[in-house]
Amino acid sequence: MLKNKDLNEKFGLSLKTLYNWSTSRPELYEFLKKSDDYFDKSRDLELILRAYEENISPTFAKDEIKFLVEMNYKDKPTNFFKTFPQNFLELCSKKLSSENKIILNILPKITTLSVIETYLLLDKIYNYQQKLKNNKSDMDMADFFEYTFRCFYLKKHTA
């Protein structure tokens, strides 16, 4: 937990402001005091998720990942990763007649993902979609796609 002196140095907040916030905005004050703890926990979770990611068995075809990326998810991954198969079917309901084959290929795969794998997949989709929306550079989105989803899709072997 950070002391007021640490908060002063780290965030440039005056000691008087911090004292005032301790009484007028106690939640904010406590959050700032615990900010290093939150950062450490976040970093630790990120390391654990990346280690887990290295052990995911790829099951999706590249076109299936592209189909998942093109879906219009209206929420962050943490809000629906537990109910992803149901959400997927709801989003696909309008596409059922034209995209039956790919939907039927994807559905069993997403239902067998663990909760962590589902979260990781949805997080990658969300981040990729955000990058697509905000891509104002000459970034090669094909390379970014390959990098982002490398642990989830099967690479075809060529002889």
N, C-alpha and C. Protein backbone atom coordinates (compact mmCIF):
# COMPACT_ATOMS: atom_id res chain seq x y z
N MET A 1 0.85 -1.17 0.00
CA MET A 1 0.00 0.00 0.00
C MET A 1 0.90 1.24 0.00
N LEU A 2 0.54 2.17 -0.85
CA LEU A 2 1.33 3.38 -0.98
C LEU A 2 0.99 4.38 0.12
N LYS A 3 1.97 5.14 0.53
CA LYS A 3 1.77 6.22 1.50
C LYS A 3 1.52 7.51 0.73
N ASN A 4 1.06 8.53 1.43
CA ASN A 4 0.78 9.81 0.77
C ASN A 4 2.01 10.37 0.07
N LYS A 5 3.16 10.21 0.68
CA LYS A 5 4.39 10.68 0.05
C LYS A 5 4.62 9.97 -1.28
N ASP A 6 4.36 8.65 -1.32
CA ASP A 6 4.51 7.87 -2.56
C ASP A 6 3.51 8.34 -3.62
N LEU A 7 2.27 8.59 -3.17
CA LEU A 7 1.24 9.07 -4.10
C LEU A 7 1.61 10.44 -4.66
N ASN A 8 2.18 11.26 -3.82
CA ASN A 8 2.63 12.58 -4.24
C ASN A 8 3.68 12.45 -5.34
N GLU A 9 4.64 11.57 -5.14
CA GLU A 9 5.72 11.39 -6.12
C GLU A 9 5.23 10.69 -7.39
N LYS A 10 4.39 9.68 -7.21
CA LYS A 10 3.95 8.87 -8.35
C LYS A 10 2.94 9.59 -9.23
N PHE A 11 1.99 10.29 -8.63
CA PHE A 11 0.91 10.90 -9.40
C PHE A 11 0.95 12.44 -9.42
N GLY A 12 1.88 13.02 -8.69
CA GLY A 12 1.99 14.48 -8.67
C GLY A 12 0.84 15.16 -7.96
N LEU A 13 0.24 14.48 -7.00
CA LEU A 13 -0.86 15.06 -6.23
C LEU A 13 -0.30 15.68 -4.96
N SER A 14 -0.80 16.85 -4.63
CA SER A 14 -0.31 17.51 -3.42
C SER A 14 -0.77 16.74 -2.19
N LEU A 15 0.00 16.87 -1.13
CA LEU A 15 -0.35 16.20 0.12
C LEU A 15 -1.67 16.72 0.67
N LYS A 16 -1.93 18.01 0.46
CA LYS A 16 -3.20 18.60 0.91
C LYS A 16 -4.37 17.97 0.16
N THR A 17 -4.22 17.80 -1.15
CA THR A 17 -5.27 17.17 -1.96
C THR A 17 -5.52 15.75 -1.48
N LEU A 18 -4.46 15.03 -1.23
CA LEU A 18 -4.60 13.65 -0.76
C LEU A 18 -5.31 13.59 0.59
N TYR A 19 -4.95 14.51 1.48
CA TYR A 19 -5.62 14.55 2.78
C TYR A 19 -7.12 14.85 2.59
N ASN A 20 -7.42 15.82 1.73
CA ASN A 20 -8.83 16.16 1.47
C ASN A 20 -9.58 14.98 0.87
N TRP A 21 -8.94 14.27 -0.07
CA TRP A 21 -9.58 13.12 -0.69
C TRP A 21 -9.80 11.99 0.30
N SER A 22 -8.95 11.90 1.32
CA SER A 22 -9.12 10.83 2.30
C SER A 22 -10.45 10.95 3.04
N THR A 23 -10.97 12.18 3.11
CA THR A 23 -12.27 12.37 3.78
C THR A 23 -13.41 12.61 2.78
N SER A 24 -13.13 13.34 1.69
CA SER A 24 -14.21 13.67 0.76
C SER A 24 -14.42 12.60 -0.32
N ARG A 25 -13.39 11.85 -0.67
CA ARG A 25 -13.48 10.80 -1.69
C ARG A 25 -12.72 9.55 -1.21
N PRO A 26 -13.22 8.93 -0.16
CA PRO A 26 -12.47 7.82 0.44
C PRO A 26 -12.24 6.63 -0.50
N GLU A 27 -13.20 6.34 -1.41
CA GLU A 27 -13.01 5.22 -2.34
C GLU A 27 -11.86 5.50 -3.30
N LEU A 28 -11.81 6.70 -3.83
CA LEU A 28 -10.74 7.09 -4.74
C LEU A 28 -9.39 7.08 -4.01
N TYR A 29 -9.40 7.63 -2.83
CA TYR A 29 -8.17 7.68 -2.03
C TYR A 29 -7.64 6.26 -1.76
N GLU A 30 -8.52 5.35 -1.35
CA GLU A 30 -8.11 3.96 -1.09
C GLU A 30 -7.64 3.28 -2.37
N PHE A 31 -8.32 3.56 -3.47
CA PHE A 31 -7.91 2.98 -4.75
C PHE A 31 -6.49 3.42 -5.11
N LEU A 32 -6.22 4.70 -4.96
CA LEU A 32 -4.88 5.19 -5.25
C LEU A 32 -3.83 4.57 -4.33
N LYS A 33 -4.17 4.42 -3.07
CA LYS A 33 -3.22 3.83 -2.13
C LYS A 33 -2.91 2.38 -2.49
N LYS A 34 -3.89 1.68 -3.07
CA LYS A 34 -3.71 0.27 -3.42
C LYS A 34 -3.32 0.08 -4.89
N SER A 35 -3.02 1.14 -5.60
CA SER A 35 -2.77 1.05 -7.05
C SER A 35 -1.60 0.12 -7.38
N ASP A 36 -0.58 0.10 -6.58
CA ASP A 36 0.53 -0.82 -6.83
C ASP A 36 0.09 -2.27 -6.68
N ASP A 37 -0.77 -2.53 -5.70
CA ASP A 37 -1.28 -3.89 -5.51
C ASP A 37 -2.11 -4.32 -6.72
N TYR A 38 -2.97 -3.41 -7.20
CA TYR A 38 -3.80 -3.71 -8.37
C TYR A 38 -2.92 -3.97 -9.59
N PHE A 39 -1.89 -3.16 -9.75
CA PHE A 39 -0.97 -3.35 -10.88
C PHE A 39 -0.28 -4.70 -10.79
N ASP A 40 0.18 -5.06 -9.61
CA ASP A 40 0.86 -6.35 -9.42
C ASP A 40 -0.07 -7.52 -9.73
N LYS A 41 -1.31 -7.46 -9.25
CA LYS A 41 -2.27 -8.53 -9.50
C LYS A 41 -2.59 -8.62 -10.99
N SER A 42 -2.77 -7.49 -11.62
CA SER A 42 -3.05 -7.47 -13.05
C SER A 42 -1.90 -8.07 -13.84
N ARG A 43 -0.69 -7.69 -13.49
CA ARG A 43 0.50 -8.23 -14.17
C ARG A 43 0.59 -9.74 -13.95
N ASP A 44 0.35 -10.20 -12.73
CA ASP A 44 0.41 -11.62 -12.44
C ASP A 44 -0.63 -12.40 -13.24
N LEU A 45 -1.85 -11.88 -13.29
CA LEU A 45 -2.90 -12.55 -14.07
C LEU A 45 -2.55 -12.59 -15.56
N GLU A 46 -2.00 -11.51 -16.06
CA GLU A 46 -1.59 -11.46 -17.46
C GLU A 46 -0.52 -12.52 -17.74
N LEU A 47 0.44 -12.67 -16.85
CA LEU A 47 1.48 -13.69 -17.01
C LEU A 47 0.90 -15.10 -16.99
N ILE A 48 -0.05 -15.34 -16.10
CA ILE A 48 -0.69 -16.65 -16.01
C ILE A 48 -1.48 -16.94 -17.28
N LEU A 49 -2.23 -15.95 -17.78
CA LEU A 49 -3.00 -16.15 -19.00
C LEU A 49 -2.10 -16.43 -20.20
N ARG A 50 -0.99 -15.72 -20.30
CA ARG A 50 -0.05 -15.94 -21.42
C ARG A 50 0.59 -17.32 -21.32
N ALA A 51 0.90 -17.79 -20.12
CA ALA A 51 1.44 -19.13 -19.95
C ALA A 51 0.40 -20.18 -20.33
N TYR A 52 -0.84 -19.95 -19.95
CA TYR A 52 -1.93 -20.86 -20.31
C TYR A 52 -2.11 -20.90 -21.82
N GLU A 53 -2.02 -19.75 -22.44
CA GLU A 53 -2.20 -19.62 -23.88
C GLU A 53 -1.23 -20.50 -24.66
N GLU A 54 -0.03 -20.66 -24.14
CA GLU A 54 0.99 -21.47 -24.82
C GLU A 54 0.61 -22.95 -24.88
N ASN A 55 -0.33 -23.36 -24.05
CA ASN A 55 -0.73 -24.77 -24.00
C ASN A 55 -2.09 -25.05 -24.64
N ILE A 56 -2.65 -24.07 -25.31
CA ILE A 56 -3.93 -24.26 -25.98
C ILE A 56 -3.71 -25.09 -27.24
N SER A 57 -4.55 -26.09 -27.42
CA SER A 57 -4.49 -26.89 -28.64
C SER A 57 -5.33 -26.21 -29.71
N PRO A 58 -4.70 -25.83 -30.82
CA PRO A 58 -5.46 -25.14 -31.87
C PRO A 58 -6.51 -26.07 -32.48
N THR A 59 -7.73 -25.56 -32.61
CA THR A 59 -8.82 -26.37 -33.15
C THR A 59 -9.59 -25.68 -34.27
N PHE A 60 -9.43 -24.40 -34.42
CA PHE A 60 -10.21 -23.65 -35.39
C PHE A 60 -9.47 -23.54 -36.73
N ALA A 61 -10.24 -23.53 -37.80
CA ALA A 61 -9.68 -23.19 -39.11
C ALA A 61 -9.61 -21.67 -39.19
N LYS A 62 -8.73 -21.18 -40.03
CA LYS A 62 -8.55 -19.73 -40.15
C LYS A 62 -9.85 -19.03 -40.53
N ASP A 63 -10.62 -19.62 -41.44
CA ASP A 63 -11.88 -18.99 -41.84
C ASP A 63 -12.90 -18.97 -40.70
N GLU A 64 -12.80 -19.93 -39.78
CA GLU A 64 -13.70 -19.93 -38.63
C GLU A 64 -13.35 -18.79 -37.68
N ILE A 65 -12.06 -18.56 -37.48
CA ILE A 65 -11.65 -17.42 -36.64
C ILE A 65 -12.09 -16.13 -37.30
N LYS A 66 -11.91 -16.01 -38.61
CA LYS A 66 -12.35 -14.79 -39.31
C LYS A 66 -13.85 -14.59 -39.16
N PHE A 67 -14.62 -15.67 -39.22
CA PHE A 67 -16.07 -15.59 -39.03
C PHE A 67 -16.38 -15.08 -37.63
N LEU A 68 -15.68 -15.61 -36.63
CA LEU A 68 -15.90 -15.16 -35.25
C LEU A 68 -15.54 -13.69 -35.08
N VAL A 69 -14.49 -13.25 -35.75
CA VAL A 69 -14.06 -11.85 -35.65
C VAL A 69 -15.10 -10.93 -36.27
N GLU A 70 -15.76 -11.39 -37.32
CA GLU A 70 -16.74 -10.54 -38.02
C GLU A 70 -18.07 -10.42 -37.29
N MET A 71 -18.26 -11.21 -36.24
CA MET A 71 -19.50 -11.12 -35.47
C MET A 71 -19.54 -9.79 -34.73
N ASN A 72 -20.73 -9.28 -34.54
CA ASN A 72 -20.89 -7.97 -33.91
C ASN A 72 -21.19 -8.13 -32.42
N TYR A 73 -20.13 -8.41 -31.66
CA TYR A 73 -20.28 -8.52 -30.21
C TYR A 73 -20.43 -7.10 -29.67
N LYS A 74 -21.42 -6.90 -28.83
CA LYS A 74 -21.67 -5.55 -28.34
C LYS A 74 -21.20 -5.37 -26.90
N ASP A 75 -20.38 -6.27 -26.44
CA ASP A 75 -19.96 -6.22 -25.05
C ASP A 75 -18.52 -6.66 -24.91
N LYS A 76 -17.92 -6.34 -23.79
CA LYS A 76 -16.55 -6.79 -23.52
C LYS A 76 -16.57 -8.27 -23.17
N PRO A 77 -15.47 -8.97 -23.41
CA PRO A 77 -15.42 -10.41 -23.17
C PRO A 77 -15.80 -10.83 -21.75
N THR A 78 -15.45 -10.04 -20.76
CA THR A 78 -15.76 -10.43 -19.38
C THR A 78 -17.25 -10.44 -19.09
N ASN A 79 -18.04 -9.81 -19.93
CA ASN A 79 -19.48 -9.76 -19.69
C ASN A 79 -20.24 -10.95 -20.27
N PHE A 80 -19.61 -11.74 -21.14
CA PHE A 80 -20.36 -12.86 -21.71
C PHE A 80 -19.54 -14.11 -22.02
N PHE A 81 -18.33 -14.21 -21.51
CA PHE A 81 -17.53 -15.37 -21.85
C PHE A 81 -18.11 -16.67 -21.28
N LYS A 82 -18.88 -16.60 -20.20
CA LYS A 82 -19.48 -17.80 -19.63
C LYS A 82 -20.65 -18.31 -20.46
N THR A 83 -21.26 -17.42 -21.21
CA THR A 83 -22.43 -17.80 -22.02
C THR A 83 -22.15 -17.64 -23.51
N PHE A 84 -20.90 -17.76 -23.88
CA PHE A 84 -20.51 -17.52 -25.27
C PHE A 84 -21.25 -18.38 -26.29
N PRO A 85 -21.40 -19.70 -26.10
CA PRO A 85 -22.11 -20.48 -27.12
C PRO A 85 -23.54 -19.96 -27.37
N GLN A 86 -24.26 -19.60 -26.31
CA GLN A 86 -25.61 -19.07 -26.47
C GLN A 86 -25.59 -17.73 -27.21
N ASN A 87 -24.65 -16.88 -26.82
CA ASN A 87 -24.53 -15.58 -27.49
C ASN A 87 -24.16 -15.76 -28.96
N PHE A 88 -23.29 -16.71 -29.22
CA PHE A 88 -22.88 -17.00 -30.59
C PHE A 88 -24.10 -17.41 -31.43
N LEU A 89 -24.91 -18.31 -30.90
CA LEU A 89 -26.10 -18.74 -31.64
C LEU A 89 -27.09 -17.60 -31.86
N GLU A 90 -27.25 -16.76 -30.86
CA GLU A 90 -28.15 -15.61 -31.03
C GLU A 90 -27.64 -14.68 -32.12
N LEU A 91 -26.34 -14.43 -32.15
CA LEU A 91 -25.77 -13.57 -33.18
C LEU A 91 -25.85 -14.20 -34.56
N CYS A 92 -25.82 -15.52 -34.60
CA CYS A 92 -25.85 -16.23 -35.89
C CYS A 92 -27.26 -16.50 -36.39
N SER A 93 -28.26 -16.23 -35.59
CA SER A 93 -29.63 -16.60 -35.96
C SER A 93 -30.03 -16.05 -37.33
N LYS A 94 -29.57 -14.88 -37.70
CA LYS A 94 -29.92 -14.30 -38.99
C LYS A 94 -29.09 -14.90 -40.13
N LYS A 95 -28.00 -15.55 -39.79
CA LYS A 95 -27.10 -16.10 -40.80
C LYS A 95 -27.28 -17.61 -40.98
N LEU A 96 -28.21 -18.20 -40.23
CA LEU A 96 -28.32 -19.66 -40.24
C LEU A 96 -28.55 -20.25 -41.62
N SER A 97 -29.33 -19.63 -42.45
CA SER A 97 -29.60 -20.23 -43.75
C SER A 97 -28.42 -20.11 -44.71
N SER A 98 -27.66 -19.03 -44.62
CA SER A 98 -26.58 -18.82 -45.57
C SER A 98 -25.22 -19.32 -45.08
N GLU A 99 -25.03 -19.44 -43.80
CA GLU A 99 -23.73 -19.82 -43.25
C GLU A 99 -23.80 -21.08 -42.39
N ASN A 100 -24.75 -21.97 -42.69
CA ASN A 100 -24.95 -23.15 -41.85
C ASN A 100 -23.68 -23.95 -41.60
N LYS A 101 -22.92 -24.23 -42.63
CA LYS A 101 -21.78 -25.13 -42.50
C LYS A 101 -20.75 -24.58 -41.51
N ILE A 102 -20.36 -23.33 -41.67
CA ILE A 102 -19.33 -22.77 -40.78
C ILE A 102 -19.85 -22.64 -39.35
N ILE A 103 -21.11 -22.28 -39.20
CA ILE A 103 -21.71 -22.17 -37.86
C ILE A 103 -21.71 -23.53 -37.18
N LEU A 104 -22.10 -24.56 -37.92
CA LEU A 104 -22.13 -25.91 -37.36
C LEU A 104 -20.74 -26.45 -37.08
N ASN A 105 -19.74 -25.95 -37.78
CA ASN A 105 -18.36 -26.35 -37.48
C ASN A 105 -17.83 -25.63 -36.24
N ILE A 106 -18.21 -24.39 -36.07
CA ILE A 106 -17.69 -23.58 -34.95
C ILE A 106 -18.35 -23.96 -33.62
N LEU A 107 -19.65 -24.18 -33.64
CA LEU A 107 -20.39 -24.38 -32.38
C LEU A 107 -19.81 -25.47 -31.48
N PRO A 108 -19.53 -26.68 -31.98
CA PRO A 108 -18.96 -27.68 -31.06
C PRO A 108 -17.58 -27.29 -30.53
N LYS A 109 -16.86 -26.53 -31.30
CA LYS A 109 -15.52 -26.11 -30.87
C LYS A 109 -15.60 -25.11 -29.73
N ILE A 110 -16.53 -24.16 -29.83
CA ILE A 110 -16.62 -23.16 -28.76
C ILE A 110 -17.26 -23.74 -27.51
N THR A 111 -18.06 -24.78 -27.66
CA THR A 111 -18.66 -25.38 -26.46
C THR A 111 -17.67 -26.25 -25.70
N THR A 112 -16.58 -26.67 -26.34
CA THR A 112 -15.59 -27.49 -25.64
C THR A 112 -14.42 -26.67 -25.10
N LEU A 113 -14.40 -25.39 -25.36
CA LEU A 113 -13.34 -24.54 -24.81
C LEU A 113 -13.53 -24.40 -23.31
N SER A 114 -12.44 -24.35 -22.59
CA SER A 114 -12.54 -24.07 -21.16
C SER A 114 -12.94 -22.61 -20.97
N VAL A 115 -13.30 -22.26 -19.77
CA VAL A 115 -13.68 -20.88 -19.47
C VAL A 115 -12.52 -19.93 -19.78
N ILE A 116 -11.32 -20.34 -19.43
CA ILE A 116 -10.15 -19.48 -19.68
C ILE A 116 -9.89 -19.36 -21.17
N GLU A 117 -9.99 -20.47 -21.89
CA GLU A 117 -9.78 -20.42 -23.35
C GLU A 117 -10.84 -19.54 -24.02
N THR A 118 -12.07 -19.65 -23.55
CA THR A 118 -13.14 -18.81 -24.10
C THR A 118 -12.84 -17.35 -23.85
N TYR A 119 -12.44 -17.03 -22.63
CA TYR A 119 -12.10 -15.64 -22.33
C TYR A 119 -10.95 -15.16 -23.22
N LEU A 120 -9.90 -15.97 -23.35
CA LEU A 120 -8.75 -15.57 -24.17
C LEU A 120 -9.16 -15.34 -25.62
N LEU A 121 -9.97 -16.24 -26.16
CA LEU A 121 -10.44 -16.08 -27.54
C LEU A 121 -11.24 -14.80 -27.70
N LEU A 122 -12.18 -14.58 -26.81
CA LEU A 122 -13.01 -13.38 -26.89
C LEU A 122 -12.20 -12.11 -26.67
N ASP A 123 -11.23 -12.18 -25.79
CA ASP A 123 -10.37 -11.02 -25.55
C ASP A 123 -9.56 -10.70 -26.81
N LYS A 124 -9.07 -11.71 -27.47
CA LYS A 124 -8.31 -11.50 -28.71
C LYS A 124 -9.21 -10.94 -29.81
N ILE A 125 -10.43 -11.47 -29.90
CA ILE A 125 -11.38 -10.95 -30.88
C ILE A 125 -11.67 -9.49 -30.60
N TYR A 126 -11.95 -9.18 -29.35
CA TYR A 126 -12.25 -7.79 -28.95
C TYR A 126 -11.09 -6.86 -29.29
N ASN A 127 -9.88 -7.25 -28.93
CA ASN A 127 -8.71 -6.42 -29.20
C ASN A 127 -8.45 -6.28 -30.69
N TYR A 128 -8.66 -7.34 -31.43
CA TYR A 128 -8.47 -7.28 -32.89
C TYR A 128 -9.51 -6.34 -33.52
N GLN A 129 -10.77 -6.45 -33.08
CA GLN A 129 -11.81 -5.57 -33.59
C GLN A 129 -11.51 -4.11 -33.27
N GLN A 130 -11.02 -3.84 -32.07
CA GLN A 130 -10.66 -2.47 -31.70
C GLN A 130 -9.53 -1.95 -32.58
N LYS A 131 -8.55 -2.81 -32.84
CA LYS A 131 -7.42 -2.42 -33.69
C LYS A 131 -7.92 -2.12 -35.11
N LEU A 132 -8.87 -2.92 -35.61
CA LEU A 132 -9.43 -2.68 -36.94
C LEU A 132 -10.13 -1.32 -37.01
N LYS A 133 -10.88 -1.00 -35.97
CA LYS A 133 -11.61 0.28 -35.93
C LYS A 133 -10.66 1.46 -35.88
N ASN A 134 -9.56 1.31 -35.16
CA ASN A 134 -8.66 2.43 -34.92
C ASN A 134 -7.41 2.39 -35.78
N ASN A 135 -7.34 1.50 -36.73
CA ASN A 135 -6.12 1.35 -37.54
C ASN A 135 -5.99 2.51 -38.52
N LYS A 136 -5.13 3.43 -38.19
CA LYS A 136 -4.89 4.58 -39.05
C LYS A 136 -3.48 4.54 -39.63
N SER A 137 -2.79 3.47 -39.32
CA SER A 137 -1.41 3.35 -39.81
C SER A 137 -1.38 2.36 -40.96
N ASP A 138 -0.20 2.08 -41.40
CA ASP A 138 -0.02 1.11 -42.47
C ASP A 138 0.23 -0.28 -41.89
N MET A 139 -0.29 -0.52 -40.71
CA MET A 139 -0.10 -1.81 -40.05
C MET A 139 -0.70 -2.91 -40.91
N ASP A 140 0.04 -3.98 -41.07
CA ASP A 140 -0.43 -5.12 -41.84
C ASP A 140 -1.38 -5.93 -40.97
N MET A 141 -2.67 -5.80 -41.23
CA MET A 141 -3.67 -6.47 -40.41
C MET A 141 -3.63 -7.99 -40.61
N ALA A 142 -3.17 -8.46 -41.76
CA ALA A 142 -3.05 -9.91 -41.97
C ALA A 142 -1.99 -10.49 -41.03
N ASP A 143 -0.86 -9.81 -40.91
CA ASP A 143 0.18 -10.25 -39.98
C ASP A 143 -0.30 -10.15 -38.54
N PHE A 144 -1.02 -9.07 -38.24
CA PHE A 144 -1.54 -8.90 -36.88
C PHE A 144 -2.54 -10.02 -36.56
N PHE A 145 -3.36 -10.40 -37.54
CA PHE A 145 -4.31 -11.50 -37.37
C PHE A 145 -3.55 -12.78 -37.04
N GLU A 146 -2.53 -13.09 -37.84
CA GLU A 146 -1.72 -14.30 -37.63
C GLU A 146 -1.13 -14.30 -36.22
N TYR A 147 -0.58 -13.18 -35.82
CA TYR A 147 0.05 -13.07 -34.51
C TYR A 147 -0.99 -13.23 -33.39
N THR A 148 -2.10 -12.55 -33.52
CA THR A 148 -3.11 -12.52 -32.47
C THR A 148 -3.75 -13.89 -32.23
N PHE A 149 -4.08 -14.59 -33.30
CA PHE A 149 -4.86 -15.82 -33.17
C PHE A 149 -4.03 -17.09 -33.36
N ARG A 150 -2.72 -16.97 -33.34
CA ARG A 150 -1.84 -18.10 -33.64
C ARG A 150 -2.09 -19.32 -32.76
N CYS A 151 -2.52 -19.13 -31.54
CA CYS A 151 -2.71 -20.29 -30.66
C CYS A 151 -4.06 -20.98 -30.87
N PHE A 152 -4.96 -20.37 -31.63
CA PHE A 152 -6.30 -20.93 -31.77
C PHE A 152 -6.57 -21.64 -33.09
N TYR A 153 -5.83 -21.32 -34.13
CA TYR A 153 -6.18 -21.97 -35.39
C TYR A 153 -5.09 -22.87 -35.92
N LEU A 154 -5.56 -23.88 -36.61
CA LEU A 154 -4.68 -24.89 -37.19
C LEU A 154 -3.99 -24.32 -38.41
N LYS A 155 -2.70 -24.45 -38.45
CA LYS A 155 -1.97 -24.03 -39.64
C LYS A 155 -1.91 -25.21 -40.58
N LYS A 156 -2.19 -24.95 -41.84
CA LYS A 156 -2.13 -26.04 -42.82
C LYS A 156 -0.67 -26.33 -43.13
N HIS A 157 -0.35 -27.59 -43.14
CA HIS A 157 1.02 -28.01 -43.45
C HIS A 157 1.16 -28.14 -44.96
N THR A 158 2.23 -27.59 -45.46
CA THR A 158 2.51 -27.71 -46.89
C THR A 158 3.74 -28.54 -47.08
N ALA A 159 3.75 -29.33 -48.11
CA ALA A 159 4.90 -30.22 -48.36
C ALA A 159 5.93 -29.54 -49.22
